[in-house]
Amino acid sequence: MTEGSAPPPPPGPPGRPAVRRAPDLTGLTYAETGATWEDTAPPPGYRALRVSTVLGSGDAVFRAAAAALMEWRMHRAMGVRVTKGATRAGRAAPAWPPWLRVP
């Protein structure tokens, strides 16, 4: 390790990559804050990922999918850690992907 460089991340669980703790993320450090809120092209240097899946048809399927999304079940199923005990999704209810750890 050279002076001024970050220490190596701790070893991860067997079969999983090591995890590096993120520094203080209380403030955003890029100018594009909110740039993906609207349905427009991402800012230069960013790529958008859009995936669609056919779940079925009809009102019951739509309501079940909407409930799963708004109650974080789809997020949790893919490993996203929902924070602050939010029971329903919304702009003020943060979620973190599993590879990003915030103290």
PDB file of N, CA and C in Angstrom:
ATOM      1  N   MET A   1       0.849  -1.166   0.000  1.00  0.00           N
ATOM      2  CA  MET A   1       0.000   0.000   0.000  1.00  0.00           C
ATOM      3  C   MET A   1       0.897   1.232   0.000  1.00  0.00           C
ATOM      4  N   THR A   2       0.609   2.176  -0.874  1.00  0.00           N
ATOM      5  CA  THR A   2       1.401   3.399  -0.933  1.00  0.00           C
ATOM      6  C   THR A   2       0.756   4.470  -0.074  1.00  0.00           C
ATOM      7  N   GLU A   3       1.566   5.460   0.302  1.00  0.00           N
ATOM      8  CA  GLU A   3       1.053   6.534   1.133  1.00  0.00           C
ATOM      9  C   GLU A   3      -0.089   7.244   0.421  1.00  0.00           C
ATOM     10  N   GLY A   4      -1.199   7.460   1.124  1.00  0.00           N
ATOM     11  CA  GLY A   4      -2.348   8.145   0.553  1.00  0.00           C
ATOM     12  C   GLY A   4      -3.325   7.226  -0.158  1.00  0.00           C
ATOM     13  N   SER A   5      -2.952   5.952  -0.317  1.00  0.00           N
ATOM     14  CA  SER A   5      -3.888   5.042  -0.977  1.00  0.00           C
ATOM     15  C   SER A   5      -4.788   4.391   0.063  1.00  0.00           C
ATOM     16  N   ALA A   6      -5.931   3.926  -0.387  1.00  0.00           N
ATOM     17  CA  ALA A   6      -6.882   3.280   0.515  1.00  0.00           C
ATOM     18  C   ALA A   6      -6.392   1.884   0.859  1.00  0.00           C
ATOM     19  N   PRO A   7      -6.688   1.414   2.060  1.00  0.00           N
ATOM     20  CA  PRO A   7      -6.308   0.045   2.409  1.00  0.00           C
ATOM     21  C   PRO A   7      -7.140  -0.936   1.594  1.00  0.00           C
ATOM     22  N   PRO A   8      -6.647  -2.148   1.440  1.00  0.00           N
ATOM     23  CA  PRO A   8      -7.422  -3.128   0.675  1.00  0.00           C
ATOM     24  C   PRO A   8      -8.713  -3.456   1.411  1.00  0.00           C
ATOM     25  N   PRO A   9      -9.763  -3.841   0.661  1.00  0.00           N
ATOM     26  CA  PRO A   9     -11.016  -4.177   1.328  1.00  0.00           C
ATOM     27  C   PRO A   9     -10.863  -5.460   2.132  1.00  0.00           C
ATOM     28  N   PRO A  10     -11.685  -5.621   3.163  1.00  0.00           N
ATOM     29  CA  PRO A  10     -11.626  -6.866   3.930  1.00  0.00           C
ATOM     30  C   PRO A  10     -12.116  -8.016   3.070  1.00  0.00           C
ATOM     31  N   PRO A  11     -11.689  -9.228   3.384  1.00  0.00           N
ATOM     32  CA  PRO A  11     -12.152 -10.357   2.584  1.00  0.00           C
ATOM     33  C   PRO A  11     -13.656 -10.520   2.731  1.00  0.00           C
ATOM     34  N   GLY A  12     -14.308 -10.882   1.640  1.00  0.00           N
ATOM     35  CA  GLY A  12     -15.753 -11.108   1.670  1.00  0.00           C
ATOM     36  C   GLY A  12     -16.058 -12.539   2.059  1.00  0.00           C
ATOM     37  N   PRO A  13     -17.350 -12.842   2.195  1.00  0.00           N
ATOM     38  CA  PRO A  13     -17.741 -14.223   2.489  1.00  0.00           C
ATOM     39  C   PRO A  13     -17.281 -15.138   1.362  1.00  0.00           C
ATOM     40  N   PRO A  14     -17.097 -16.429   1.636  1.00  0.00           N
ATOM     41  CA  PRO A  14     -16.668 -17.356   0.582  1.00  0.00           C
ATOM     42  C   PRO A  14     -17.590 -17.276  -0.633  1.00  0.00           C
ATOM     43  N   GLY A  15     -16.992 -17.172  -1.797  1.00  0.00           N
ATOM     44  CA  GLY A  15     -17.764 -17.104  -3.028  1.00  0.00           C
ATOM     45  C   GLY A  15     -18.305 -15.732  -3.364  1.00  0.00           C
ATOM     46  N   ARG A  16     -18.020 -14.735  -2.531  1.00  0.00           N
ATOM     47  CA  ARG A  16     -18.499 -13.378  -2.802  1.00  0.00           C
ATOM     48  C   ARG A  16     -17.309 -12.432  -2.795  1.00  0.00           C
ATOM     49  N   PRO A  17     -17.376 -11.360  -3.566  1.00  0.00           N
ATOM     50  CA  PRO A  17     -16.243 -10.435  -3.612  1.00  0.00           C
ATOM     51  C   PRO A  17     -16.084  -9.675  -2.301  1.00  0.00           C
ATOM     52  N   ALA A  18     -14.893  -9.154  -2.107  1.00  0.00           N
ATOM     53  CA  ALA A  18     -14.629  -8.333  -0.932  1.00  0.00           C
ATOM     54  C   ALA A  18     -15.470  -7.068  -1.015  1.00  0.00           C
ATOM     55  N   VAL A  19     -15.802  -6.508   0.118  1.00  0.00           N
ATOM     56  CA  VAL A  19     -16.633  -5.313   0.171  1.00  0.00           C
ATOM     57  C   VAL A  19     -15.809  -4.182   0.760  1.00  0.00           C
ATOM     58  N   ARG A  20     -15.810  -3.052   0.087  1.00  0.00           N
ATOM     59  CA  ARG A  20     -15.121  -1.865   0.588  1.00  0.00           C
ATOM     60  C   ARG A  20     -16.176  -0.927   1.158  1.00  0.00           C
ATOM     61  N   ARG A  21     -15.972  -0.450   2.367  1.00  0.00           N
ATOM     62  CA  ARG A  21     -16.921   0.498   2.949  1.00  0.00           C
ATOM     63  C   ARG A  21     -16.798   1.829   2.229  1.00  0.00           C
ATOM     64  N   ALA A  22     -17.937   2.391   1.915  1.00  0.00           N
ATOM     65  CA  ALA A  22     -17.963   3.677   1.224  1.00  0.00           C
ATOM     66  C   ALA A  22     -17.639   4.791   2.214  1.00  0.00           C
ATOM     67  N   PRO A  23     -17.006   5.850   1.741  1.00  0.00           N
ATOM     68  CA  PRO A  23     -16.775   7.002   2.610  1.00  0.00           C
ATOM     69  C   PRO A  23     -18.110   7.694   2.886  1.00  0.00           C
ATOM     70  N   ASP A  24     -18.080   8.764   3.627  1.00  0.00           N
ATOM     71  CA  ASP A  24     -19.287   9.524   3.941  1.00  0.00           C
ATOM     72  C   ASP A  24     -20.021   9.900   2.655  1.00  0.00           C
ATOM     73  N   LEU A  25     -21.253   9.459   2.532  1.00  0.00           N
ATOM     74  CA  LEU A  25     -22.043   9.747   1.333  1.00  0.00           C
ATOM     75  C   LEU A  25     -23.242  10.625   1.653  1.00  0.00           C
ATOM     76  N   THR A  26     -23.102  11.498   2.636  1.00  0.00           N
ATOM     77  CA  THR A  26     -24.231  12.338   2.999  1.00  0.00           C
ATOM     78  C   THR A  26     -24.502  13.413   1.966  1.00  0.00           C
ATOM     79  N   GLY A  27     -23.522  13.756   1.165  1.00  0.00           N
ATOM     80  CA  GLY A  27     -23.721  14.733   0.108  1.00  0.00           C
ATOM     81  C   GLY A  27     -23.324  14.130  -1.222  1.00  0.00           C
ATOM     82  N   LEU A  28     -24.034  14.481  -2.269  1.00  0.00           N
ATOM     83  CA  LEU A  28     -23.681  13.975  -3.593  1.00  0.00           C
ATOM     84  C   LEU A  28     -22.544  14.807  -4.163  1.00  0.00           C
ATOM     85  N   THR A  29     -21.697  14.175  -4.949  1.00  0.00           N
ATOM     86  CA  THR A  29     -20.500  14.852  -5.441  1.00  0.00           C
ATOM     87  C   THR A  29     -20.499  15.018  -6.954  1.00  0.00           C
ATOM     88  N   TYR A  30     -21.651  14.881  -7.585  1.00  0.00           N
ATOM     89  CA  TYR A  30     -21.692  15.041  -9.033  1.00  0.00           C
ATOM     90  C   TYR A  30     -22.803  16.021  -9.399  1.00  0.00           C
ATOM     91  N   ALA A  31     -22.619  16.703 -10.502  1.00  0.00           N
ATOM     92  CA  ALA A  31     -23.548  17.760 -10.903  1.00  0.00           C
ATOM     93  C   ALA A  31     -24.863  17.231 -11.455  1.00  0.00           C
ATOM     94  N   GLU A  32     -24.913  15.965 -11.806  1.00  0.00           N
ATOM     95  CA  GLU A  32     -26.095  15.416 -12.469  1.00  0.00           C
ATOM     96  C   GLU A  32     -27.171  14.962 -11.490  1.00  0.00           C
ATOM     97  N   THR A  33     -27.150  15.436 -10.257  1.00  0.00           N
ATOM     98  CA  THR A  33     -28.132  15.025  -9.260  1.00  0.00           C
ATOM     99  C   THR A  33     -29.541  15.182  -9.813  1.00  0.00           C
ATOM    100  N   GLY A  34     -30.310  14.107  -9.759  1.00  0.00           N
ATOM    101  CA  GLY A  34     -31.691  14.139 -10.231  1.00  0.00           C
ATOM    102  C   GLY A  34     -31.851  13.979 -11.724  1.00  0.00           C
ATOM    103  N   ALA A  35     -30.762  13.784 -12.451  1.00  0.00           N
ATOM    104  CA  ALA A  35     -30.826  13.721 -13.913  1.00  0.00           C
ATOM    105  C   ALA A  35     -31.610  12.525 -14.415  1.00  0.00           C
ATOM    106  N   THR A  36     -31.751  11.488 -13.619  1.00  0.00           N
ATOM    107  CA  THR A  36     -32.504  10.314 -14.065  1.00  0.00           C
ATOM    108  C   THR A  36     -33.937  10.327 -13.549  1.00  0.00           C
ATOM    109  N   TRP A  37     -34.334  11.378 -12.860  1.00  0.00           N
ATOM    110  CA  TRP A  37     -35.698  11.461 -12.344  1.00  0.00           C
ATOM    111  C   TRP A  37     -36.701  11.528 -13.490  1.00  0.00           C
ATOM    112  N   GLU A  38     -36.391  12.276 -14.532  1.00  0.00           N
ATOM    113  CA  GLU A  38     -37.262  12.365 -15.706  1.00  0.00           C
ATOM    114  C   GLU A  38     -36.915  11.237 -16.663  1.00  0.00           C
ATOM    115  N   ASP A  39     -37.834  10.907 -17.544  1.00  0.00           N
ATOM    116  CA  ASP A  39     -37.616   9.833 -18.520  1.00  0.00           C
ATOM    117  C   ASP A  39     -36.908  10.405 -19.750  1.00  0.00           C
ATOM    118  N   THR A  40     -35.653  10.783 -19.559  1.00  0.00           N
ATOM    119  CA  THR A  40     -34.851  11.334 -20.649  1.00  0.00           C
ATOM    120  C   THR A  40     -33.559  10.534 -20.747  1.00  0.00           C
ATOM    121  N   ALA A  41     -32.780  10.841 -21.754  1.00  0.00           N
ATOM    122  CA  ALA A  41     -31.488  10.168 -21.911  1.00  0.00           C
ATOM    123  C   ALA A  41     -30.596  10.516 -20.722  1.00  0.00           C
ATOM    124  N   PRO A  42     -29.750   9.582 -20.292  1.00  0.00           N
ATOM    125  CA  PRO A  42     -28.850   9.884 -19.177  1.00  0.00           C
ATOM    126  C   PRO A  42     -27.807  10.922 -19.589  1.00  0.00           C
ATOM    127  N   PRO A  43     -27.189  11.576 -18.610  1.00  0.00           N
ATOM    128  CA  PRO A  43     -26.146  12.559 -18.919  1.00  0.00           C
ATOM    129  C   PRO A  43     -24.976  11.892 -19.643  1.00  0.00           C
ATOM    130  N   PRO A  44     -24.173  12.670 -20.365  1.00  0.00           N
ATOM    131  CA  PRO A  44     -23.000  12.104 -21.045  1.00  0.00           C
ATOM    132  C   PRO A  44     -22.121  11.338 -20.061  1.00  0.00           C
ATOM    133  N   GLY A  45     -21.673  10.166 -20.489  1.00  0.00           N
ATOM    134  CA  GLY A  45     -20.819   9.339 -19.651  1.00  0.00           C
ATOM    135  C   GLY A  45     -21.574   8.324 -18.811  1.00  0.00           C
ATOM    136  N   TYR A  46     -22.903   8.357 -18.842  1.00  0.00           N
ATOM    137  CA  TYR A  46     -23.726   7.414 -18.087  1.00  0.00           C
ATOM    138  C   TYR A  46     -24.515   6.549 -19.057  1.00  0.00           C
ATOM    139  N   ARG A  47     -24.885   5.359 -18.617  1.00  0.00           N
ATOM    140  CA  ARG A  47     -25.720   4.471 -19.429  1.00  0.00           C
ATOM    141  C   ARG A  47     -26.964   4.105 -18.636  1.00  0.00           C
ATOM    142  N   ALA A  48     -28.081   4.016 -19.322  1.00  0.00           N
ATOM    143  CA  ALA A  48     -29.328   3.612 -18.669  1.00  0.00           C
ATOM    144  C   ALA A  48     -29.531   2.116 -18.869  1.00  0.00           C
ATOM    145  N   LEU A  49     -30.113   1.478 -17.893  1.00  0.00           N
ATOM    146  CA  LEU A  49     -30.454   0.062 -17.995  1.00  0.00           C
ATOM    147  C   LEU A  49     -31.960  -0.050 -17.840  1.00  0.00           C
ATOM    148  N   ARG A  50     -32.596  -0.582 -18.845  1.00  0.00           N
ATOM    149  CA  ARG A  50     -34.044  -0.793 -18.792  1.00  0.00           C
ATOM    150  C   ARG A  50     -34.310  -2.255 -19.100  1.00  0.00           C
ATOM    151  N   VAL A  51     -35.046  -2.895 -18.233  1.00  0.00           N
ATOM    152  CA  VAL A  51     -35.371  -4.307 -18.389  1.00  0.00           C
ATOM    153  C   VAL A  51     -36.880  -4.451 -18.243  1.00  0.00           C
ATOM    154  N   SER A  52     -37.482  -5.252 -19.098  1.00  0.00           N
ATOM    155  CA  SER A  52     -38.915  -5.504 -18.950  1.00  0.00           C
ATOM    156  C   SER A  52     -39.165  -7.005 -18.955  1.00  0.00           C
ATOM    157  N   THR A  53     -40.191  -7.399 -18.252  1.00  0.00           N
ATOM    158  CA  THR A  53     -40.572  -8.800 -18.134  1.00  0.00           C
ATOM    159  C   THR A  53     -42.090  -8.891 -18.186  1.00  0.00           C
ATOM    160  N   VAL A  54     -42.608  -9.839 -18.923  1.00  0.00           N
ATOM    161  CA  VAL A  54     -44.049 -10.057 -18.962  1.00  0.00           C
ATOM    162  C   VAL A  54     -44.437 -10.873 -17.733  1.00  0.00           C
ATOM    163  N   LEU A  55     -45.318 -10.324 -16.913  1.00  0.00           N
ATOM    164  CA  LEU A  55     -45.753 -10.991 -15.692  1.00  0.00           C
ATOM    165  C   LEU A  55     -47.068 -11.733 -15.880  1.00  0.00           C
ATOM    166  N   GLY A  56     -47.815 -11.353 -16.859  1.00  0.00           N
ATOM    167  CA  GLY A  56     -49.149 -11.898 -17.091  1.00  0.00           C
ATOM    168  C   GLY A  56     -50.040 -10.774 -17.567  1.00  0.00           C
ATOM    169  N   SER A  57     -51.328 -10.922 -17.387  1.00  0.00           N
ATOM    170  CA  SER A  57     -52.238  -9.861 -17.800  1.00  0.00           C
ATOM    171  C   SER A  57     -53.410  -9.790 -16.836  1.00  0.00           C
ATOM    172  N   GLY A  58     -54.064  -8.671 -16.872  1.00  0.00           N
ATOM    173  CA  GLY A  58     -55.246  -8.487 -16.038  1.00  0.00           C
ATOM    174  C   GLY A  58     -54.985  -7.635 -14.820  1.00  0.00           C
ATOM    175  N   ASP A  59     -56.086  -7.173 -14.248  1.00  0.00           N
ATOM    176  CA  ASP A  59     -56.030  -6.265 -13.117  1.00  0.00           C
ATOM    177  C   ASP A  59     -55.365  -6.896 -11.892  1.00  0.00           C
ATOM    178  N   ALA A  60     -55.642  -8.164 -11.625  1.00  0.00           N
ATOM    179  CA  ALA A  60     -55.066  -8.816 -10.440  1.00  0.00           C
ATOM    180  C   ALA A  60     -53.544  -8.899 -10.542  1.00  0.00           C
ATOM    181  N   VAL A  61     -53.030  -9.216 -11.729  1.00  0.00           N
ATOM    182  CA  VAL A  61     -51.579  -9.294 -11.929  1.00  0.00           C
ATOM    183  C   VAL A  61     -50.963  -7.909 -11.767  1.00  0.00           C
ATOM    184  N   PHE A  62     -51.603  -6.893 -12.352  1.00  0.00           N
ATOM    185  CA  PHE A  62     -51.094  -5.528 -12.235  1.00  0.00           C
ATOM    186  C   PHE A  62     -51.043  -5.098 -10.769  1.00  0.00           C
ATOM    187  N   ARG A  63     -52.119  -5.331 -10.039  1.00  0.00           N
ATOM    188  CA  ARG A  63     -52.158  -4.923  -8.628  1.00  0.00           C
ATOM    189  C   ARG A  63     -51.110  -5.665  -7.792  1.00  0.00           C
ATOM    190  N   ALA A  64     -50.918  -6.953  -8.052  1.00  0.00           N
ATOM    191  CA  ALA A  64     -49.911  -7.727  -7.318  1.00  0.00           C
ATOM    192  C   ALA A  64     -48.506  -7.212  -7.618  1.00  0.00           C
ATOM    193  N   ALA A  65     -48.215  -6.903  -8.886  1.00  0.00           N
ATOM    194  CA  ALA A  65     -46.897  -6.382  -9.258  1.00  0.00           C
ATOM    195  C   ALA A  65     -46.671  -5.001  -8.655  1.00  0.00           C
ATOM    196  N   ALA A  66     -47.691  -4.150  -8.686  1.00  0.00           N
ATOM    197  CA  ALA A  66     -47.569  -2.809  -8.109  1.00  0.00           C
ATOM    198  C   ALA A  66     -47.317  -2.894  -6.607  1.00  0.00           C
ATOM    199  N   ALA A  67     -48.025  -3.786  -5.927  1.00  0.00           N
ATOM    200  CA  ALA A  67     -47.827  -3.944  -4.482  1.00  0.00           C
ATOM    201  C   ALA A  67     -46.414  -4.446  -4.185  1.00  0.00           C
ATOM    202  N   ALA A  68     -45.932  -5.416  -4.961  1.00  0.00           N
ATOM    203  CA  ALA A  68     -44.578  -5.941  -4.756  1.00  0.00           C
ATOM    204  C   ALA A  68     -43.537  -4.844  -4.942  1.00  0.00           C
ATOM    205  N   LEU A  69     -43.733  -3.987  -5.925  1.00  0.00           N
ATOM    206  CA  LEU A  69     -42.800  -2.887  -6.176  1.00  0.00           C
ATOM    207  C   LEU A  69     -42.849  -1.865  -5.046  1.00  0.00           C
ATOM    208  N   MET A  70     -44.029  -1.413  -4.689  1.00  0.00           N
ATOM    209  CA  MET A  70     -44.161  -0.356  -3.692  1.00  0.00           C
ATOM    210  C   MET A  70     -43.849  -0.824  -2.270  1.00  0.00           C
ATOM    211  N   GLU A  71     -43.928  -2.114  -2.024  1.00  0.00           N
ATOM    212  CA  GLU A  71     -43.611  -2.650  -0.700  1.00  0.00           C
ATOM    213  C   GLU A  71     -42.193  -3.208  -0.639  1.00  0.00           C
ATOM    214  N   TRP A  72     -41.371  -2.870  -1.605  1.00  0.00           N
ATOM    215  CA  TRP A  72     -39.952  -3.225  -1.644  1.00  0.00           C
ATOM    216  C   TRP A  72     -39.693  -4.705  -1.874  1.00  0.00           C
ATOM    217  N   ARG A  73     -40.701  -5.540  -2.140  1.00  0.00           N
ATOM    218  CA  ARG A  73     -40.464  -6.974  -2.293  1.00  0.00           C
ATOM    219  C   ARG A  73     -39.596  -7.277  -3.507  1.00  0.00           C
ATOM    220  N   MET A  74     -39.785  -6.555  -4.605  1.00  0.00           N
ATOM    221  CA  MET A  74     -38.950  -6.783  -5.789  1.00  0.00           C
ATOM    222  C   MET A  74     -37.511  -6.371  -5.506  1.00  0.00           C
ATOM    223  N   HIS A  75     -37.324  -5.289  -4.777  1.00  0.00           N
ATOM    224  CA  HIS A  75     -35.980  -4.813  -4.449  1.00  0.00           C
ATOM    225  C   HIS A  75     -35.257  -5.817  -3.547  1.00  0.00           C
ATOM    226  N   ARG A  76     -35.947  -6.240  -2.507  1.00  0.00           N
ATOM    227  CA  ARG A  76     -35.339  -7.196  -1.574  1.00  0.00           C
ATOM    228  C   ARG A  76     -35.010  -8.516  -2.264  1.00  0.00           C
ATOM    229  N   ALA A  77     -35.864  -8.942  -3.195  1.00  0.00           N
ATOM    230  CA  ALA A  77     -35.628 -10.206  -3.901  1.00  0.00           C
ATOM    231  C   ALA A  77     -34.341 -10.166  -4.714  1.00  0.00           C
ATOM    232  N   MET A  78     -33.916  -8.973  -5.145  1.00  0.00           N
ATOM    233  CA  MET A  78     -32.672  -8.880  -5.911  1.00  0.00           C
ATOM    234  C   MET A  78     -31.489  -8.458  -5.044  1.00  0.00           C
ATOM    235  N   GLY A  79     -31.695  -8.364  -3.724  1.00  0.00           N
ATOM    236  CA  GLY A  79     -30.585  -8.106  -2.819  1.00  0.00           C
ATOM    237  C   GLY A  79     -30.394  -6.669  -2.404  1.00  0.00           C
ATOM    238  N   VAL A  80     -31.308  -5.767  -2.765  1.00  0.00           N
ATOM    239  CA  VAL A  80     -31.183  -4.371  -2.345  1.00  0.00           C
ATOM    240  C   VAL A  80     -31.578  -4.275  -0.878  1.00  0.00           C
ATOM    241  N   ARG A  81     -30.756  -3.581  -0.107  1.00  0.00           N
ATOM    242  CA  ARG A  81     -31.020  -3.398   1.323  1.00  0.00           C
ATOM    243  C   ARG A  81     -31.854  -2.132   1.495  1.00  0.00           C
ATOM    244  N   VAL A  82     -33.061  -2.274   1.981  1.00  0.00           N
ATOM    245  CA  VAL A  82     -33.941  -1.133   2.210  1.00  0.00           C
ATOM    246  C   VAL A  82     -33.603  -0.558   3.575  1.00  0.00           C
ATOM    247  N   THR A  83     -33.435   0.751   3.638  1.00  0.00           N
ATOM    248  CA  THR A  83     -32.990   1.393   4.875  1.00  0.00           C
ATOM    249  C   THR A  83     -34.121   2.128   5.579  1.00  0.00           C
ATOM    250  N   LYS A  84     -33.862   2.486   6.798  1.00  0.00           N
ATOM    251  CA  LYS A  84     -34.732   3.307   7.632  1.00  0.00           C
ATOM    252  C   LYS A  84     -36.117   2.718   7.855  1.00  0.00           C
ATOM    253  N   GLY A  85     -36.279   1.427   7.709  1.00  0.00           N
ATOM    254  CA  GLY A  85     -37.551   0.796   8.016  1.00  0.00           C
ATOM    255  C   GLY A  85     -38.713   1.240   7.153  1.00  0.00           C
ATOM    256  N   ALA A  86     -38.451   1.800   5.992  1.00  0.00           N
ATOM    257  CA  ALA A  86     -39.535   2.239   5.113  1.00  0.00           C
ATOM    258  C   ALA A  86     -40.364   1.039   4.688  1.00  0.00           C
ATOM    259  N   THR A  87     -41.662   1.131   4.878  1.00  0.00           N
ATOM    260  CA  THR A  87     -42.529   0.023   4.487  1.00  0.00           C
ATOM    261  C   THR A  87     -43.056   0.186   3.071  1.00  0.00           C
ATOM    262  N   ARG A  88     -43.014   1.407   2.547  1.00  0.00           N
ATOM    263  CA  ARG A  88     -43.456   1.637   1.170  1.00  0.00           C
ATOM    264  C   ARG A  88     -42.411   2.476   0.450  1.00  0.00           C
ATOM    265  N   ALA A  89     -42.235   2.181  -0.827  1.00  0.00           N
ATOM    266  CA  ALA A  89     -41.270   2.914  -1.645  1.00  0.00           C
ATOM    267  C   ALA A  89     -41.756   4.338  -1.870  1.00  0.00           C
ATOM    268  N   GLY A  90     -40.812   5.225  -2.077  1.00  0.00           N
ATOM    269  CA  GLY A  90     -41.125   6.618  -2.357  1.00  0.00           C
ATOM    270  C   GLY A  90     -39.846   7.401  -2.501  1.00  0.00           C
ATOM    271  N   ARG A  91     -39.964   8.624  -2.916  1.00  0.00           N
ATOM    272  CA  ARG A  91     -38.788   9.450  -3.166  1.00  0.00           C
ATOM    273  C   ARG A  91     -37.930   9.622  -1.909  1.00  0.00           C
ATOM    274  N   ALA A  92     -38.536   9.636  -0.744  1.00  0.00           N
ATOM    275  CA  ALA A  92     -37.785   9.865   0.493  1.00  0.00           C
ATOM    276  C   ALA A  92     -37.402   8.578   1.213  1.00  0.00           C
ATOM    277  N   ALA A  93     -37.623   7.425   0.606  1.00  0.00           N
ATOM    278  CA  ALA A  93     -37.289   6.147   1.240  1.00  0.00           C
ATOM    279  C   ALA A  93     -36.095   5.541   0.522  1.00  0.00           C
ATOM    280  N   PRO A  94     -34.881   5.712   1.051  1.00  0.00           N
ATOM    281  CA  PRO A  94     -33.680   5.257   0.341  1.00  0.00           C
ATOM    282  C   PRO A  94     -33.501   3.742   0.351  1.00  0.00           C
ATOM    283  N   ALA A  95     -32.859   3.255  -0.682  1.00  0.00           N
ATOM    284  CA  ALA A  95     -32.473   1.842  -0.778  1.00  0.00           C
ATOM    285  C   ALA A  95     -31.066   1.802  -1.352  1.00  0.00           C
ATOM    286  N   TRP A  96     -30.282   0.818  -0.958  1.00  0.00           N
ATOM    287  CA  TRP A  96     -28.902   0.696  -1.423  1.00  0.00           C
ATOM    288  C   TRP A  96     -28.705  -0.647  -2.089  1.00  0.00           C
ATOM    289  N   PRO A  97     -27.983  -0.679  -3.208  1.00  0.00           N
ATOM    290  CA  PRO A  97     -27.640  -1.973  -3.796  1.00  0.00           C
ATOM    291  C   PRO A  97     -26.696  -2.729  -2.863  1.00  0.00           C
ATOM    292  N   PRO A  98     -26.681  -4.061  -2.955  1.00  0.00           N
ATOM    293  CA  PRO A  98     -25.890  -4.849  -2.000  1.00  0.00           C
ATOM    294  C   PRO A  98     -24.396  -4.591  -2.056  1.00  0.00           C
ATOM    295  N   TRP A  99     -23.871  -4.097  -3.169  1.00  0.00           N
ATOM    296  CA  TRP A  99     -22.429  -3.880  -3.277  1.00  0.00           C
ATOM    297  C   TRP A  99     -21.998  -2.546  -2.703  1.00  0.00           C
ATOM    298  N   LEU A 100     -22.939  -1.702  -2.263  1.00  0.00           N
ATOM    299  CA  LEU A 100     -22.601  -0.399  -1.697  1.00  0.00           C
ATOM    300  C   LEU A 100     -22.948  -0.411  -0.221  1.00  0.00           C
ATOM    301  N   ARG A 101     -21.941  -0.271   0.620  1.00  0.00           N
ATOM    302  CA  ARG A 101     -22.162  -0.267   2.060  1.00  0.00           C
ATOM    303  C   ARG A 101     -21.931   1.150   2.579  1.00  0.00           C
ATOM    304  N   VAL A 102     -22.879   1.676   3.298  1.00  0.00           N
ATOM    305  CA  VAL A 102     -22.750   2.999   3.882  1.00  0.00           C
ATOM    306  C   VAL A 102     -22.813   2.844   5.390  1.00  0.00           C
ATOM    307  N   PRO A 103     -21.814   3.362   6.100  1.00  0.00           N
ATOM    308  CA  PRO A 103     -21.804   3.196   7.561  1.00  0.00           C
ATOM    309  C   PRO A 103     -23.005   3.849   8.214  1.00  0.00           C
TER     310      PRO A 103
END
